[in-house]
Amino acid sequence: MNIYYLRLITGASNMIDSEVKAKGVAWSESGLYEFWTINENDQRVGVAYYPVDRTIIESIEYGVE
């Protein structure tokens, strides 16, 4: 599991810091970051979605259990 530290752009000069605990991240064709984990059936399950154009992945902490 990883922890993704995000900065979300909410307005002209407004930002919110957030974090997501997930196994990985992917970019979707619809313009979203999809943070996902793996369930007991070895299938990806989305845990959070953020718009690519309003989200900055500041850092990633790998291997957190």
C-alpha atoms as a PDB file:
ATOM      1  CA  MET A   1       0.000   0.000   0.000  1.00  0.00           C
ATOM      2  CA  ASN A   2       1.148   3.561  -0.701  1.00  0.00           C
ATOM      3  CA  ILE A   3       0.161   6.962   0.623  1.00  0.00           C
ATOM      4  CA  TYR A   4      -0.327   9.639  -2.039  1.00  0.00           C
ATOM      5  CA  TYR A   5      -0.026  13.225  -0.808  1.00  0.00           C
ATOM      6  CA  LEU A   6      -2.148  15.503  -2.974  1.00  0.00           C
ATOM      7  CA  ARG A   7      -2.731  19.208  -3.442  1.00  0.00           C
ATOM      8  CA  LEU A   8      -6.223  19.923  -4.789  1.00  0.00           C
ATOM      9  CA  ILE A   9      -6.854  23.185  -6.621  1.00  0.00           C
ATOM     10  CA  THR A  10     -10.296  24.379  -5.556  1.00  0.00           C
ATOM     11  CA  GLY A  11     -10.299  27.938  -6.885  1.00  0.00           C
ATOM     12  CA  ALA A  12      -8.188  30.810  -8.194  1.00  0.00           C
ATOM     13  CA  SER A  13      -5.785  30.752  -5.252  1.00  0.00           C
ATOM     14  CA  ASN A  14      -7.366  28.153  -2.974  1.00  0.00           C
ATOM     15  CA  MET A  15      -5.823  24.737  -2.398  1.00  0.00           C
ATOM     16  CA  ILE A  16      -6.531  21.827  -0.077  1.00  0.00           C
ATOM     17  CA  ASP A  17      -3.981  19.211   0.961  1.00  0.00           C
ATOM     18  CA  SER A  18      -5.230  15.641   1.052  1.00  0.00           C
ATOM     19  CA  GLU A  19      -3.868  12.110   1.176  1.00  0.00           C
ATOM     20  CA  VAL A  20      -5.064   8.807  -0.245  1.00  0.00           C
ATOM     21  CA  LYS A  21      -3.997   5.331   0.823  1.00  0.00           C
ATOM     22  CA  ALA A  22      -4.049   3.063  -2.222  1.00  0.00           C
ATOM     23  CA  LYS A  23      -2.108   0.318  -3.981  1.00  0.00           C
ATOM     24  CA  GLY A  24      -1.714   2.345  -7.178  1.00  0.00           C
ATOM     25  CA  VAL A  25      -2.921   5.184  -9.360  1.00  0.00           C
ATOM     26  CA  ALA A  26      -3.995   5.345 -13.002  1.00  0.00           C
ATOM     27  CA  TRP A  27      -5.126   8.073 -15.360  1.00  0.00           C
ATOM     28  CA  SER A  28      -8.499   7.552 -17.013  1.00  0.00           C
ATOM     29  CA  GLU A  29      -9.651   8.650 -20.471  1.00  0.00           C
ATOM     30  CA  SER A  30     -12.287  10.805 -18.770  1.00  0.00           C
ATOM     31  CA  GLY A  31      -9.564  12.988 -17.192  1.00  0.00           C
ATOM     32  CA  LEU A  32      -9.467  11.549 -13.683  1.00  0.00           C
ATOM     33  CA  TYR A  33      -6.794  10.094 -11.471  1.00  0.00           C
ATOM     34  CA  GLU A  34      -8.143   6.776 -10.218  1.00  0.00           C
ATOM     35  CA  PHE A  35      -6.568   5.573  -6.976  1.00  0.00           C
ATOM     36  CA  TRP A  36      -7.128   1.867  -6.525  1.00  0.00           C
ATOM     37  CA  THR A  37      -6.506  -1.142  -4.322  1.00  0.00           C
ATOM     38  CA  ILE A  38      -6.818  -4.898  -4.901  1.00  0.00           C
ATOM     39  CA  ASN A  39      -9.678  -6.890  -3.371  1.00  0.00           C
ATOM     40  CA  GLU A  40      -9.667 -10.526  -2.228  1.00  0.00           C
ATOM     41  CA  ASN A  41     -10.520 -11.662  -5.810  1.00  0.00           C
ATOM     42  CA  ASP A  42      -7.400  -9.911  -7.203  1.00  0.00           C
ATOM     43  CA  GLN A  43      -9.538  -7.237  -8.892  1.00  0.00           C
ATOM     44  CA  ARG A  44      -8.850  -3.498  -8.915  1.00  0.00           C
ATOM     45  CA  VAL A  45     -11.255  -1.472  -6.814  1.00  0.00           C
ATOM     46  CA  GLY A  46     -11.348   2.314  -7.079  1.00  0.00           C
ATOM     47  CA  VAL A  47     -10.955   4.089  -3.733  1.00  0.00           C
ATOM     48  CA  ALA A  48     -10.775   7.733  -4.869  1.00  0.00           C
ATOM     49  CA  TYR A  49     -11.124   9.813  -8.032  1.00  0.00           C
ATOM     50  CA  TYR A  50      -9.729  13.320  -8.615  1.00  0.00           C
ATOM     51  CA  PRO A  51      -9.666  15.498 -11.757  1.00  0.00           C
ATOM     52  CA  VAL A  52      -6.219  15.509 -13.380  1.00  0.00           C
ATOM     53  CA  ASP A  53      -6.389  19.221 -14.208  1.00  0.00           C
ATOM     54  CA  ARG A  54      -7.011  20.183 -10.557  1.00  0.00           C
ATOM     55  CA  THR A  55      -4.806  17.679  -8.732  1.00  0.00           C
ATOM     56  CA  ILE A  56      -1.075  17.718  -8.026  1.00  0.00           C
ATOM     57  CA  ILE A  57       0.531  14.569  -6.649  1.00  0.00           C
ATOM     58  CA  GLU A  58       3.092  16.194  -4.332  1.00  0.00           C
ATOM     59  CA  SER A  59       4.767  12.998  -3.116  1.00  0.00           C
ATOM     60  CA  ILE A  60       4.275   9.268  -2.641  1.00  0.00           C
ATOM     61  CA  GLU A  61       5.231   7.194   0.389  1.00  0.00           C
ATOM     62  CA  TYR A  62       5.742   3.615  -0.828  1.00  0.00           C
ATOM     63  CA  GLY A  63       5.289   0.337   1.033  1.00  0.00           C
ATOM     64  CA  VAL A  64       3.102   1.527   3.896  1.00  0.00           C
ATOM     65  CA  GLU A  65       1.029  -1.280   5.388  1.00  0.00           C
END
